[in-house]
N, C-alpha and C. Protein backbone atom coordinates (compact mmCIF):
# COMPACT_ATOMS: atom_id res chain seq x y z
N MET A 1 51.10 -17.34 13.62
CA MET A 1 49.98 -16.66 14.68
C MET A 1 49.13 -17.83 14.37
N ILE A 2 48.01 -17.13 15.41
CA ILE A 2 47.32 -17.96 15.44
C ILE A 2 45.96 -16.79 14.73
N LEU A 3 44.42 -17.47 14.68
CA LEU A 3 43.59 -17.52 13.68
C LEU A 3 42.76 -17.74 14.33
N PHE A 4 42.05 -16.92 15.34
CA PHE A 4 40.34 -17.57 15.72
C PHE A 4 39.45 -17.28 14.90
N LEU A 5 38.50 -18.35 14.94
CA LEU A 5 37.63 -18.20 14.25
C LEU A 5 35.87 -17.83 15.48
N SER A 6 34.92 -16.77 15.06
CA SER A 6 34.26 -16.49 15.85
C SER A 6 32.92 -17.66 15.64
N PRO A 7 32.67 -18.24 17.06
CA PRO A 7 31.69 -19.24 16.53
C PRO A 7 30.57 -18.89 15.72
N CYS A 8 30.18 -17.63 15.35
CA CYS A 8 29.77 -17.22 14.14
C CYS A 8 29.87 -17.80 12.90
N CYS A 9 30.92 -18.31 12.84
CA CYS A 9 30.70 -17.81 11.42
C CYS A 9 31.69 -20.09 11.91
N MET A 10 31.16 -20.11 12.70
CA MET A 10 31.89 -22.01 12.42
C MET A 10 30.47 -22.56 11.55
N ALA A 11 30.83 -24.06 10.77
CA ALA A 11 29.64 -24.93 10.19
C ALA A 11 28.96 -25.70 11.65
N ALA A 12 27.26 -25.51 11.61
CA ALA A 12 26.81 -26.13 12.13
C ALA A 12 25.36 -27.17 11.20
N GLY A 13 25.85 -28.32 10.96
CA GLY A 13 25.85 -29.62 10.22
C GLY A 13 26.88 -29.00 8.72
N ASN A 14 25.63 -28.79 7.66
CA ASN A 14 25.45 -27.54 6.05
C ASN A 14 25.68 -26.70 6.94
N ILE A 15 25.17 -25.70 7.61
CA ILE A 15 23.91 -24.73 7.80
C ILE A 15 25.46 -24.19 8.82
N LEU A 16 26.09 -22.56 7.23
CA LEU A 16 27.27 -21.31 9.22
C LEU A 16 26.14 -20.93 9.58
N SER A 17 26.85 -20.61 10.79
CA SER A 17 25.99 -20.21 11.62
C SER A 17 25.04 -18.92 10.85
N TRP A 18 25.85 -17.85 10.45
CA TRP A 18 25.44 -16.33 9.84
C TRP A 18 23.96 -16.82 9.14
N GLN A 19 24.04 -18.59 8.95
CA GLN A 19 22.21 -18.64 8.09
C GLN A 19 22.08 -19.20 8.87
N ALA A 20 21.40 -20.10 9.66
CA ALA A 20 20.57 -19.49 10.90
C ALA A 20 20.71 -18.00 11.93
N ALA A 21 21.54 -17.79 12.43
CA ALA A 21 20.91 -16.68 12.51
C ALA A 21 22.21 -15.33 13.19
N PRO A 22 21.43 -14.67 13.37
CA PRO A 22 22.18 -13.40 13.52
C PRO A 22 23.97 -13.42 13.83
N PRO A 23 24.87 -13.37 13.22
CA PRO A 23 26.34 -13.04 13.71
C PRO A 23 26.85 -12.09 14.66
N VAL A 24 26.02 -11.02 15.08
CA VAL A 24 26.98 -10.40 14.83
C VAL A 24 25.58 -9.48 16.53
N ASP A 25 25.97 -8.42 17.24
CA ASP A 25 24.65 -7.99 17.53
C ASP A 25 23.76 -6.47 16.18
N ILE A 26 21.77 -7.51 15.92
CA ILE A 26 22.08 -6.43 15.57
C ILE A 26 21.36 -5.37 15.94
N CYS A 27 20.62 -5.28 14.81
CA CYS A 27 20.71 -3.22 15.44
C CYS A 27 18.28 -2.98 14.02
N VAL A 28 17.76 -2.40 14.71
CA VAL A 28 16.94 -2.15 13.52
C VAL A 28 16.98 -1.27 13.08
N GLY A 29 17.39 -0.74 11.41
CA GLY A 29 17.31 0.07 11.09
C GLY A 29 18.55 -0.48 9.12
N ASP A 30 19.14 -1.77 10.69
CA ASP A 30 20.69 -2.38 9.50
C ASP A 30 20.45 -3.54 8.95
N VAL A 31 20.42 -2.63 7.52
CA VAL A 31 20.62 -2.95 6.58
C VAL A 31 21.28 -4.72 5.99
N VAL A 32 21.28 -5.47 5.71
CA VAL A 32 21.42 -6.75 5.09
C VAL A 32 21.32 -7.03 3.65
N VAL A 33 22.92 -7.95 3.38
CA VAL A 33 22.75 -8.62 1.65
C VAL A 33 22.84 -9.98 1.99
N ARG A 34 22.48 -10.22 0.92
CA ARG A 34 23.60 -11.72 0.78
C ARG A 34 22.92 -11.62 -1.09
N LYS A 35 23.64 -13.35 -1.12
CA LYS A 35 24.47 -13.78 -2.69
C LYS A 35 23.58 -15.23 -2.39
N GLY A 36 22.83 -15.04 -3.17
CA GLY A 36 21.83 -15.86 -3.53
C GLY A 36 22.45 -16.60 -5.13
N HIS A 37 21.70 -17.83 -5.46
CA HIS A 37 22.93 -19.40 -6.54
C HIS A 37 21.21 -18.67 -8.15
N GLY A 38 19.58 -17.08 -7.70
CA GLY A 38 18.99 -17.42 -8.22
C GLY A 38 19.02 -16.96 -9.54
N THR A 39 18.23 -17.40 -10.49
CA THR A 39 17.81 -16.49 -11.61
C THR A 39 19.13 -14.91 -11.57
N TRP A 40 17.67 -13.80 -10.98
CA TRP A 40 19.18 -12.84 -11.08
C TRP A 40 20.09 -12.65 -9.78
N THR A 41 20.36 -13.40 -9.50
CA THR A 41 22.01 -12.79 -8.95
C THR A 41 23.39 -12.30 -9.87
N ARG A 42 23.10 -13.55 -11.11
CA ARG A 42 24.58 -12.55 -11.86
C ARG A 42 23.61 -11.66 -12.19
N TYR A 43 22.45 -10.87 -13.07
CA TYR A 43 22.20 -9.79 -13.62
C TYR A 43 23.23 -8.76 -12.97
N PHE A 44 22.27 -8.47 -11.11
CA PHE A 44 22.23 -8.34 -9.86
C PHE A 44 23.68 -7.99 -9.57
N ILE A 45 24.34 -9.24 -9.59
CA ILE A 45 25.77 -9.04 -9.27
C ILE A 45 26.71 -7.69 -10.22
N ASN A 46 26.23 -8.28 -11.25
CA ASN A 46 26.74 -7.30 -12.12
C ASN A 46 26.78 -6.28 -12.63
N CYS A 47 25.45 -5.42 -12.45
CA CYS A 47 25.16 -4.34 -11.80
C CYS A 47 26.27 -3.33 -11.11
N SER A 48 26.41 -3.99 -9.81
CA SER A 48 27.88 -3.10 -9.22
C SER A 48 28.45 -2.28 -9.63
N SER A 49 28.78 -2.10 -9.55
CA SER A 49 30.33 -1.17 -10.21
C SER A 49 31.65 -1.21 -9.75
N ARG A 50 31.76 -1.50 -8.04
CA ARG A 50 32.78 -1.79 -6.86
C ARG A 50 32.87 -2.93 -6.70
N GLU A 51 31.57 -3.60 -5.57
CA GLU A 51 30.64 -4.47 -5.84
C GLU A 51 31.42 -5.71 -5.79
N LYS A 52 30.76 -6.67 -7.09
CA LYS A 52 30.04 -7.36 -7.44
C LYS A 52 30.03 -8.71 -5.86
N ARG A 53 29.53 -9.22 -5.38
CA ARG A 53 29.41 -9.78 -5.05
C ARG A 53 27.79 -10.70 -4.61
N PHE A 54 26.83 -8.91 -4.51
CA PHE A 54 26.33 -9.62 -3.54
C PHE A 54 24.25 -9.48 -4.86
N SER A 55 23.86 -9.84 -4.51
CA SER A 55 22.03 -9.90 -5.04
C SER A 55 20.65 -9.51 -4.56
N HIS A 56 21.02 -9.40 -3.75
CA HIS A 56 19.64 -9.16 -2.84
C HIS A 56 19.60 -8.22 -1.72
N VAL A 57 19.48 -7.63 -1.30
CA VAL A 57 19.39 -7.50 -0.36
C VAL A 57 17.65 -6.89 0.92
N GLY A 58 17.78 -6.27 2.23
CA GLY A 58 17.19 -6.04 2.97
C GLY A 58 17.53 -5.19 4.15
N ILE A 59 15.89 -4.83 4.92
CA ILE A 59 16.06 -4.28 6.40
C ILE A 59 15.95 -5.02 8.08
N VAL A 60 16.52 -5.16 8.04
CA VAL A 60 15.80 -5.65 9.94
C VAL A 60 15.20 -4.46 10.40
N VAL A 61 13.51 -5.26 10.49
CA VAL A 61 13.24 -4.54 11.26
C VAL A 61 12.28 -4.88 12.85
N SER A 62 13.36 -5.82 13.43
CA SER A 62 12.60 -6.27 14.02
C SER A 62 13.66 -7.05 15.13
N ASN A 63 15.15 -6.81 16.00
CA ASN A 63 16.24 -7.54 16.23
C ASN A 63 15.36 -8.44 17.52
N GLU A 64 13.83 -8.52 18.33
CA GLU A 64 13.93 -9.40 19.26
C GLU A 64 13.40 -10.79 18.91
N THR A 65 13.62 -11.54 19.82
CA THR A 65 13.73 -12.93 20.21
C THR A 65 14.46 -13.50 18.03
N GLN A 66 13.83 -13.26 17.19
CA GLN A 66 14.26 -13.55 16.21
C GLN A 66 13.95 -12.57 15.22
N CYS A 67 15.35 -11.98 14.53
CA CYS A 67 14.99 -11.52 13.70
C CYS A 67 14.82 -11.03 12.46
N THR A 68 14.20 -10.30 12.39
CA THR A 68 12.48 -10.23 11.38
C THR A 68 13.32 -9.16 10.49
N ILE A 69 13.57 -10.09 8.80
CA ILE A 69 14.08 -8.43 7.26
C ILE A 69 12.80 -7.91 6.70
N VAL A 70 12.45 -6.98 6.43
CA VAL A 70 11.35 -6.23 4.88
C VAL A 70 12.71 -6.22 3.60
N HIS A 71 11.55 -6.29 2.94
CA HIS A 71 11.64 -6.74 1.96
C HIS A 71 11.68 -6.99 0.67
N SER A 72 12.09 -6.97 -0.45
CA SER A 72 11.05 -6.93 -2.29
C SER A 72 11.43 -7.59 -2.67
N ASP A 73 11.20 -9.11 -2.78
CA ASP A 73 10.99 -10.58 -3.59
C ASP A 73 9.96 -10.71 -4.26
N ALA A 74 10.17 -11.64 -5.59
CA ALA A 74 9.39 -12.43 -6.33
C ALA A 74 9.66 -14.00 -6.26
N ASN A 75 9.11 -14.30 -6.86
CA ASN A 75 9.06 -15.82 -7.36
C ASN A 75 9.62 -15.49 -8.66
N GLU A 76 10.88 -16.09 -8.87
CA GLU A 76 12.23 -16.05 -10.00
C GLU A 76 11.26 -16.61 -11.18
N TRP A 77 10.24 -17.89 -11.37
CA TRP A 77 9.42 -18.32 -12.65
C TRP A 77 8.41 -17.22 -12.26
N THR A 78 7.51 -17.02 -11.55
CA THR A 78 6.64 -15.93 -12.04
C THR A 78 6.49 -14.56 -12.31
N GLY A 79 7.32 -14.55 -10.99
CA GLY A 79 7.88 -12.71 -11.34
C GLY A 79 6.91 -12.53 -9.71
N ILE A 80 5.90 -12.92 -9.12
CA ILE A 80 4.75 -12.73 -9.05
C ILE A 80 6.09 -12.09 -7.23
N GLY A 81 5.59 -11.27 -6.60
CA GLY A 81 6.00 -11.49 -5.12
C GLY A 81 5.05 -9.74 -4.44
N ALA A 82 6.13 -9.64 -4.10
CA ALA A 82 5.90 -7.87 -3.07
C ALA A 82 6.91 -7.81 -1.73
N VAL A 83 7.04 -6.60 -1.81
CA VAL A 83 7.88 -6.21 -0.16
C VAL A 83 7.44 -7.28 0.74
N ARG A 84 8.13 -7.66 1.50
CA ARG A 84 6.68 -8.63 2.57
C ARG A 84 8.31 -9.44 4.20
N LEU A 85 7.96 -9.48 5.04
CA LEU A 85 8.22 -9.74 5.88
C LEU A 85 9.47 -10.78 5.95
N GLU A 86 10.60 -11.97 6.60
CA GLU A 86 10.71 -13.06 7.02
C GLU A 86 11.99 -12.66 7.75
N SER A 87 12.08 -13.78 8.41
CA SER A 87 12.86 -14.08 9.65
C SER A 87 14.19 -14.16 9.34
N TRP A 88 15.36 -14.26 9.42
CA TRP A 88 16.57 -13.70 9.44
C TRP A 88 17.36 -15.08 8.61
N HIS A 89 16.51 -17.04 9.43
CA HIS A 89 16.74 -17.95 8.86
C HIS A 89 16.39 -18.04 7.04
N GLY A 90 15.38 -17.23 7.05
CA GLY A 90 14.47 -18.11 6.02
C GLY A 90 14.76 -16.72 4.51
N PHE A 91 15.73 -15.06 5.69
CA PHE A 91 15.67 -14.11 4.32
C PHE A 91 17.65 -15.23 4.18
N TYR A 92 18.45 -15.92 4.50
CA TYR A 92 19.43 -16.31 4.39
C TYR A 92 19.85 -17.89 3.59
N ALA A 93 18.78 -18.58 4.43
CA ALA A 93 18.90 -20.34 4.29
C ALA A 93 19.92 -20.70 2.96
N ASP A 94 19.58 -20.34 2.17
CA ASP A 94 20.15 -20.26 0.48
C ASP A 94 21.94 -19.46 0.51
N ALA A 95 21.93 -18.48 1.08
CA ALA A 95 22.99 -17.62 1.11
C ALA A 95 24.15 -18.25 0.96
N LEU A 96 24.81 -18.01 0.18
CA LEU A 96 25.92 -18.15 -0.21
C LEU A 96 26.92 -17.30 0.36
N GLU A 97 26.22 -15.52 1.05
CA GLU A 97 27.38 -14.63 1.57
C GLU A 97 26.28 -14.39 2.02
N CYS A 98 26.53 -13.06 3.74
CA CYS A 98 26.30 -12.23 3.72
C CYS A 98 27.19 -10.94 4.32
N ALA A 99 26.37 -10.18 4.41
CA ALA A 99 27.63 -8.74 4.93
C ALA A 99 26.20 -8.02 5.16
N VAL A 100 26.32 -7.20 6.81
CA VAL A 100 25.63 -6.60 7.52
C VAL A 100 26.35 -5.52 7.41
N PHE A 101 25.61 -3.88 7.31
CA PHE A 101 25.85 -2.72 6.87
C PHE A 101 24.65 -1.48 7.82
N ARG A 102 25.59 -0.96 8.73
CA ARG A 102 24.78 0.27 9.25
C ARG A 102 25.13 1.68 9.67
N TYR A 103 24.28 2.15 10.02
CA TYR A 103 23.94 3.09 8.99
C TYR A 103 24.81 4.14 10.07
N ILE A 104 26.22 4.81 8.80
CA ILE A 104 26.72 5.74 10.84
C ILE A 104 26.61 7.28 11.75
N GLY A 105 25.41 8.33 10.78
CA GLY A 105 24.44 8.32 11.45
C GLY A 105 23.59 8.41 12.56
N SER A 106 21.95 8.55 13.34
CA SER A 106 22.05 8.75 13.93
C SER A 106 21.36 7.04 14.34
N GLU A 107 21.11 6.20 15.54
CA GLU A 107 20.89 5.62 15.90
C GLU A 107 19.11 5.55 15.62
N ASN A 108 17.54 6.55 16.15
CA ASN A 108 16.87 6.89 15.75
C ASN A 108 16.59 7.10 14.44
N VAL A 109 17.68 7.37 13.45
CA VAL A 109 17.13 7.83 12.27
C VAL A 109 16.68 6.23 11.82
N ALA A 110 18.30 5.47 11.82
CA ALA A 110 18.25 4.00 11.18
C ALA A 110 16.83 3.56 11.89
N LYS A 111 16.11 3.13 12.58
CA LYS A 111 14.76 2.15 13.16
C LYS A 111 13.41 3.73 12.37
N ARG A 112 13.95 4.58 12.11
CA ARG A 112 12.72 4.62 11.58
C ARG A 112 13.07 4.20 9.20
N PHE A 113 14.02 3.71 9.28
CA PHE A 113 14.28 3.02 8.08
C PHE A 113 13.49 2.05 8.31
N ALA A 114 13.51 1.47 9.64
CA ALA A 114 12.41 0.84 9.65
C ALA A 114 10.96 0.86 9.71
N THR A 115 10.87 1.99 10.13
CA THR A 115 9.30 2.13 10.08
C THR A 115 8.71 2.18 8.37
N ARG A 116 9.86 3.10 7.59
CA ARG A 116 9.55 3.64 6.30
C ARG A 116 8.66 1.94 5.65
N GLY A 117 10.16 1.56 6.28
CA GLY A 117 9.56 -0.16 5.32
C GLY A 117 8.45 -0.83 6.05
N MET A 118 7.98 -0.49 6.66
CA MET A 118 6.65 -0.92 7.02
C MET A 118 5.69 -1.09 6.73
N GLU A 119 6.10 1.04 5.84
CA GLU A 119 5.10 1.36 5.60
C GLU A 119 4.35 0.94 3.32
N LEU A 120 5.42 0.00 4.05
CA LEU A 120 4.83 -0.32 2.28
C LEU A 120 5.15 -1.82 1.64
N LEU A 121 5.10 -2.40 3.22
CA LEU A 121 4.90 -3.95 3.12
C LEU A 121 3.49 -4.28 1.78
N GLY A 122 3.58 -4.99 1.57
CA GLY A 122 2.27 -5.53 0.61
C GLY A 122 2.60 -4.43 -1.06
N VAL A 123 4.22 -3.89 -1.33
CA VAL A 123 3.56 -3.38 -3.01
C VAL A 123 3.93 -4.65 -3.49
N PRO A 124 3.70 -4.29 -4.47
CA PRO A 124 3.88 -5.62 -5.99
C PRO A 124 5.33 -5.75 -5.73
N PHE A 125 5.87 -6.48 -6.30
CA PHE A 125 7.52 -6.18 -6.57
C PHE A 125 7.60 -6.13 -8.26
N ASP A 126 8.16 -4.36 -9.04
CA ASP A 126 8.72 -4.88 -10.20
C ASP A 126 9.59 -6.06 -10.48
N SER A 127 9.02 -6.36 -11.49
CA SER A 127 9.55 -7.71 -12.60
C SER A 127 10.45 -6.45 -13.77
N ALA A 128 10.06 -5.58 -14.21
CA ALA A 128 10.38 -5.13 -15.48
C ALA A 128 11.64 -3.99 -15.20
N PHE A 129 11.68 -3.90 -13.37
CA PHE A 129 13.04 -2.98 -12.77
C PHE A 129 12.52 -1.48 -13.73
N ASP A 130 12.05 -1.24 -13.55
CA ASP A 130 10.92 -0.01 -14.42
C ASP A 130 11.63 1.53 -12.84
N MET A 131 12.73 1.93 -12.32
CA MET A 131 12.35 3.32 -11.32
C MET A 131 11.54 4.37 -11.49
N GLU A 132 10.72 4.87 -13.36
CA GLU A 132 10.13 5.30 -13.22
C GLU A 132 8.73 4.62 -12.61
N ASN A 133 8.23 3.49 -11.86
CA ASN A 133 6.87 3.27 -11.62
C ASN A 133 7.16 3.23 -9.81
N THR A 134 7.02 4.33 -9.42
CA THR A 134 6.82 3.65 -7.78
C THR A 134 6.13 2.90 -6.90
N ASN A 135 5.20 2.57 -7.52
CA ASN A 135 4.13 1.56 -7.56
C ASN A 135 4.39 -0.20 -7.05
N ARG A 136 5.39 0.33 -8.06
CA ARG A 136 5.72 -1.95 -8.42
C ARG A 136 7.51 -1.37 -7.20
N LEU A 137 7.97 -2.23 -6.63
CA LEU A 137 9.36 -2.06 -5.64
C LEU A 137 9.95 -3.20 -6.23
N TYR A 138 11.28 -3.28 -6.38
CA TYR A 138 12.08 -4.12 -6.47
C TYR A 138 13.29 -4.11 -5.46
N CYS A 139 13.94 -5.14 -5.77
CA CYS A 139 14.63 -5.24 -3.74
C CYS A 139 15.82 -4.24 -3.97
N THR A 140 16.07 -3.16 -4.35
CA THR A 140 17.37 -2.17 -3.60
C THR A 140 16.04 -0.42 -4.17
N GLU A 141 15.62 -1.14 -4.85
CA GLU A 141 14.52 0.04 -5.48
C GLU A 141 14.24 0.33 -4.25
N PHE A 142 13.43 -0.82 -3.78
CA PHE A 142 12.50 -0.60 -2.25
C PHE A 142 13.88 0.18 -1.05
N VAL A 143 14.19 -0.35 -1.61
CA VAL A 143 15.69 -0.38 -0.02
C VAL A 143 15.70 1.67 -0.48
N ARG A 144 16.00 1.80 -1.69
CA ARG A 144 16.90 3.23 -1.60
C ARG A 144 15.62 4.46 -1.87
N ILE A 145 13.98 3.54 -1.70
CA ILE A 145 13.50 4.79 -1.61
C ILE A 145 13.13 4.82 -0.01
N VAL A 146 13.17 4.07 0.25
CA VAL A 146 13.14 4.27 2.49
C VAL A 146 13.91 5.16 2.17
N ILE A 147 15.25 4.37 2.56
CA ILE A 147 16.63 5.57 2.83
C ILE A 147 16.20 6.74 2.67
N ASN A 148 16.31 7.65 1.32
CA ASN A 148 16.23 8.22 1.07
C ASN A 148 14.76 8.94 0.98
N ASP A 149 13.92 8.14 1.77
CA ASP A 149 11.94 9.34 1.59
C ASP A 149 12.31 9.50 3.11
N THR A 150 13.05 8.16 3.65
CA THR A 150 13.76 8.44 5.13
C THR A 150 14.69 10.30 5.21
N LEU A 151 15.57 10.00 5.02
CA LEU A 151 16.47 10.87 5.71
C LEU A 151 16.76 12.41 4.07
N LYS A 152 15.49 12.64 3.83
CA LYS A 152 15.23 13.74 2.91
C LYS A 152 16.14 13.38 1.82
N THR A 153 16.95 13.15 1.26
CA THR A 153 17.76 13.73 0.80
C THR A 153 17.93 11.99 -0.63
N ASN A 154 18.68 12.21 -1.15
CA ASN A 154 18.99 11.22 -2.96
C ASN A 154 21.01 10.37 -2.06
N LEU A 155 20.89 10.15 -0.72
CA LEU A 155 21.88 9.48 -0.42
C LEU A 155 22.37 7.93 -1.45
N VAL A 156 21.35 7.37 -1.41
CA VAL A 156 22.08 6.30 -2.69
C VAL A 156 20.84 6.57 -3.27
N GLY A 157 21.96 7.07 -4.68
CA GLY A 157 21.94 7.56 -5.89
C GLY A 157 21.41 5.61 -6.85
N TRP A 158 22.01 5.82 -8.00
CA TRP A 158 21.50 5.01 -9.37
C TRP A 158 22.36 4.58 -10.48
N THR A 159 22.48 3.46 -10.32
CA THR A 159 23.56 3.73 -11.83
C THR A 159 23.35 3.00 -13.65
N SER A 160 23.65 3.39 -14.44
CA SER A 160 23.21 2.97 -15.36
C SER A 160 23.43 1.89 -16.54
N VAL A 161 22.35 1.09 -15.93
CA VAL A 161 23.60 -0.51 -16.93
C VAL A 161 22.57 -0.33 -18.13
N CYS A 162 23.38 -1.05 -19.99
CA CYS A 162 23.78 -0.41 -21.35
C CYS A 162 21.75 0.30 -21.14
N ASP A 163 22.41 2.06 -20.78
CA ASP A 163 21.36 3.16 -21.02
C ASP A 163 19.98 2.89 -19.97
N LYS A 164 20.34 1.21 -19.57
CA LYS A 164 18.84 1.68 -18.17
C LYS A 164 19.34 1.81 -17.26
N ARG A 165 18.78 2.45 -16.04
CA ARG A 165 19.31 3.22 -14.45
C ARG A 165 18.50 2.53 -14.10
N VAL A 166 19.49 1.83 -13.20
CA VAL A 166 18.98 0.38 -11.72
C VAL A 166 20.17 0.99 -10.50
N VAL A 167 19.45 0.35 -9.75
CA VAL A 167 19.80 0.83 -8.42
C VAL A 167 20.83 -0.53 -7.67
N ALA A 168 21.82 -0.11 -8.07
CA ALA A 168 22.75 -1.35 -7.37
C ALA A 168 23.25 -1.81 -6.31
N LEU A 169 22.77 -3.54 -5.92
CA LEU A 169 23.17 -3.45 -4.66
C LEU A 169 24.47 -2.60 -3.37
N ASP A 170 25.13 -1.99 -5.06
CA ASP A 170 26.43 -1.47 -3.63
C ASP A 170 26.35 0.38 -3.81
N ASP A 171 25.72 0.44 -5.31
CA ASP A 171 24.84 1.60 -5.00
C ASP A 171 24.34 2.04 -2.94
N ILE A 172 23.94 1.16 -1.77
CA ILE A 172 23.18 1.02 -1.53
C ILE A 172 23.68 1.58 -0.64
N TYR A 173 24.68 0.57 -0.40
CA TYR A 173 26.05 1.39 0.75
C TYR A 173 26.89 2.16 0.35
N ARG A 174 27.68 1.94 -0.44
CA ARG A 174 28.48 2.77 -0.77
C ARG A 174 29.08 4.10 0.59
N ARG A 175 27.66 5.02 0.72
CA ARG A 175 27.25 6.31 1.58
C ARG A 175 26.71 6.13 3.10
N GLY A 176 27.74 6.38 3.57
CA GLY A 176 26.82 6.45 4.92
C GLY A 176 26.56 5.67 5.77
N PHE A 177 26.34 4.38 5.55
CA PHE A 177 27.15 2.51 5.72
C PHE A 177 28.41 2.67 6.47
N LYS A 178 28.77 1.48 7.15
CA LYS A 178 29.71 0.86 7.93
C LYS A 178 29.43 -0.75 7.78
N ARG A 179 29.41 -1.50 8.16
CA ARG A 179 29.78 -2.27 7.35
C ARG A 179 30.36 -3.51 8.42
N ILE A 180 30.26 -4.08 9.22
CA ILE A 180 29.06 -4.63 10.74
C ILE A 180 30.23 -6.33 10.65
N PHE A 181 30.20 -6.36 9.42
CA PHE A 181 30.21 -8.01 8.93
C PHE A 181 30.31 -8.04 7.56
N ASP A 182 30.99 -10.01 7.81
CA ASP A 182 30.76 -10.43 6.50
C ASP A 182 30.26 -11.17 6.61
N SER A 183 30.52 -12.47 5.29
CA SER A 183 30.85 -13.70 5.88
C SER A 183 32.15 -14.00 5.26
N GLN A 184 33.39 -13.23 4.55
CA GLN A 184 34.71 -13.30 3.76
C GLN A 184 35.15 -13.57 5.66
N TRP A 185 34.51 -12.60 6.31
CA TRP A 185 36.03 -11.98 7.94
C TRP A 185 35.85 -13.87 8.18
N CYS A 186 35.31 -14.74 7.29
CA CYS A 186 34.79 -16.30 7.80
C CYS A 186 36.14 -16.42 7.91
N ASP A 187 36.47 -16.54 6.60
CA ASP A 187 37.36 -18.01 6.12
C ASP A 187 38.07 -17.61 6.46
N THR A 188 38.73 -15.93 6.16
CA THR A 188 40.33 -15.31 6.84
C THR A 188 40.17 -15.26 7.06
N ASN A 189 39.60 -13.77 7.97
CA ASN A 189 40.86 -13.37 8.82
C ASN A 189 39.82 -13.34 10.85
N SER A 190 40.93 -12.88 11.33
CA SER A 190 40.03 -13.09 12.74
C SER A 190 38.86 -12.74 13.47
N VAL A 191 39.03 -13.12 14.67
CA VAL A 191 36.98 -12.21 14.93
C VAL A 191 37.43 -11.24 15.17
N GLU A 192 38.59 -10.74 15.18
CA GLU A 192 39.47 -8.87 16.07
C GLU A 192 39.49 -7.71 14.82
N LYS A 193 39.74 -8.29 12.92
CA LYS A 193 39.10 -7.75 12.58
C LYS A 193 37.67 -7.39 12.01
N ARG A 194 36.51 -7.90 12.63
CA ARG A 194 35.05 -7.89 12.43
C ARG A 194 34.85 -6.88 13.17
N GLN A 195 36.06 -5.96 13.85
CA GLN A 195 35.89 -4.59 15.32
C GLN A 195 36.35 -4.00 14.31
N GLU A 196 37.09 -4.32 12.45
CA GLU A 196 37.97 -2.96 12.15
C GLU A 196 36.29 -1.53 11.76
C-alpha cells in the first residue's frame, strides 16, 4: 500500500504548509482550531471531554488573497486582549496542530457567523473565563456566542469543570459541523482520507 501525502502537509523549511496557508479550500464561516504551547494551552485542552487536542478557536471571515480569521485572545502575561483579526499564517505560526470544521447547514448561514464575529471586534478578552459576563469574551465563549446568536438556538453548549461552566473546544464543533481538515491526517493517512 502506498500512501501519498498531500502537498498541504509537506514541510517547507521548519514550517508545515498548513501553517503558512490554508491546506484546503476555505469558506467564510469555517471554524478553525489549533493546539498551541502557551500558558493556557493545557487548561483548555483539559476542559474538553471528548477530544483533548486543541486550545484555541476562531472563525474565517475572508478567504480572498490572504485568509483572515476573527478570534479572541490576550497577552499570556497580562491577560489583556480583545476580539481581533489575524491572518491564517499569524493564527497558525506557532501552532502544533490544526483542524478546520465546516457548518453542515446552509453556506449563507455560515457566512453570517463571520458577520456576527466582525460585529464583536474590539470586545475585551475575558481573563476570568466568566460566561455570565458577555461584555468580555474568551476564545471559545466568543465562538459560542457567534454561532448561537446567528442560529438563534443553543447548538453550542458548555462543559462543567471543577463546578465552573466553561465552553470547551470540543463543545464548539461537537454538533452541526464536519471536519474537513486535520493536521493529524498529514502524519498517517492518504489524501483520500481527507475527503471522508
